[in-house]
Amino acid sequence: MRRTKRFVIGGLVILAALAYIIYGGMQEALVYFKMPSELRAEEKSLQGRFVRMGGMVVKGSLNKDLQNLTYRFDLTDGNTSFPVFFKGVPPDLFVEGKGAVVEGRIGSDGVFHASTIMAKHAEDYSPHADGKVPANSFLPAKEAGAK
């Protein structure tokens, strides 16, 4: 009887620990990113901490230094803009006027220092009107004859 009781208590402790881990993981997944307005409001408390921010890349704000692979741009939610600095190679779909999610930290300079950029894209896919795959669609642009 005593051995069974210890076994049941041990099992309950393990189950409680697993439930806590799963619950914590779900909480992380629920808040995928903060908007620039939210980040601006919590800027002091989040400074130096890893965070995700999502929004639209403000048209005309993208400054590229291809020599050093640095990018400066503003991300907005329509109300507030937040300056972002990124060093590296952004995804191909990253352009002005489109959505992006950046991961990184807010610096003491008030700039979001991104370590990762994820370009958001339309969730719908529509094939060509005639239903055919365009010729040379799997070749690099130079080889396909594009200018």
Foldseek 3Di string as FASTA:
>chain_A
DVVVVVVVVVVVVVVVVVVVVVVVVVVCVVCVADEPVVCVVCVVVQAPPKGKYKAAWAPPAWDADPVQQKIWTWGHNVPDIAIEIEHDDADPQDDHGFMKMFIAGQYPVRHGYGDHIDTDDDPDDDDPPVNDDDPPPVPPCVVVPHD
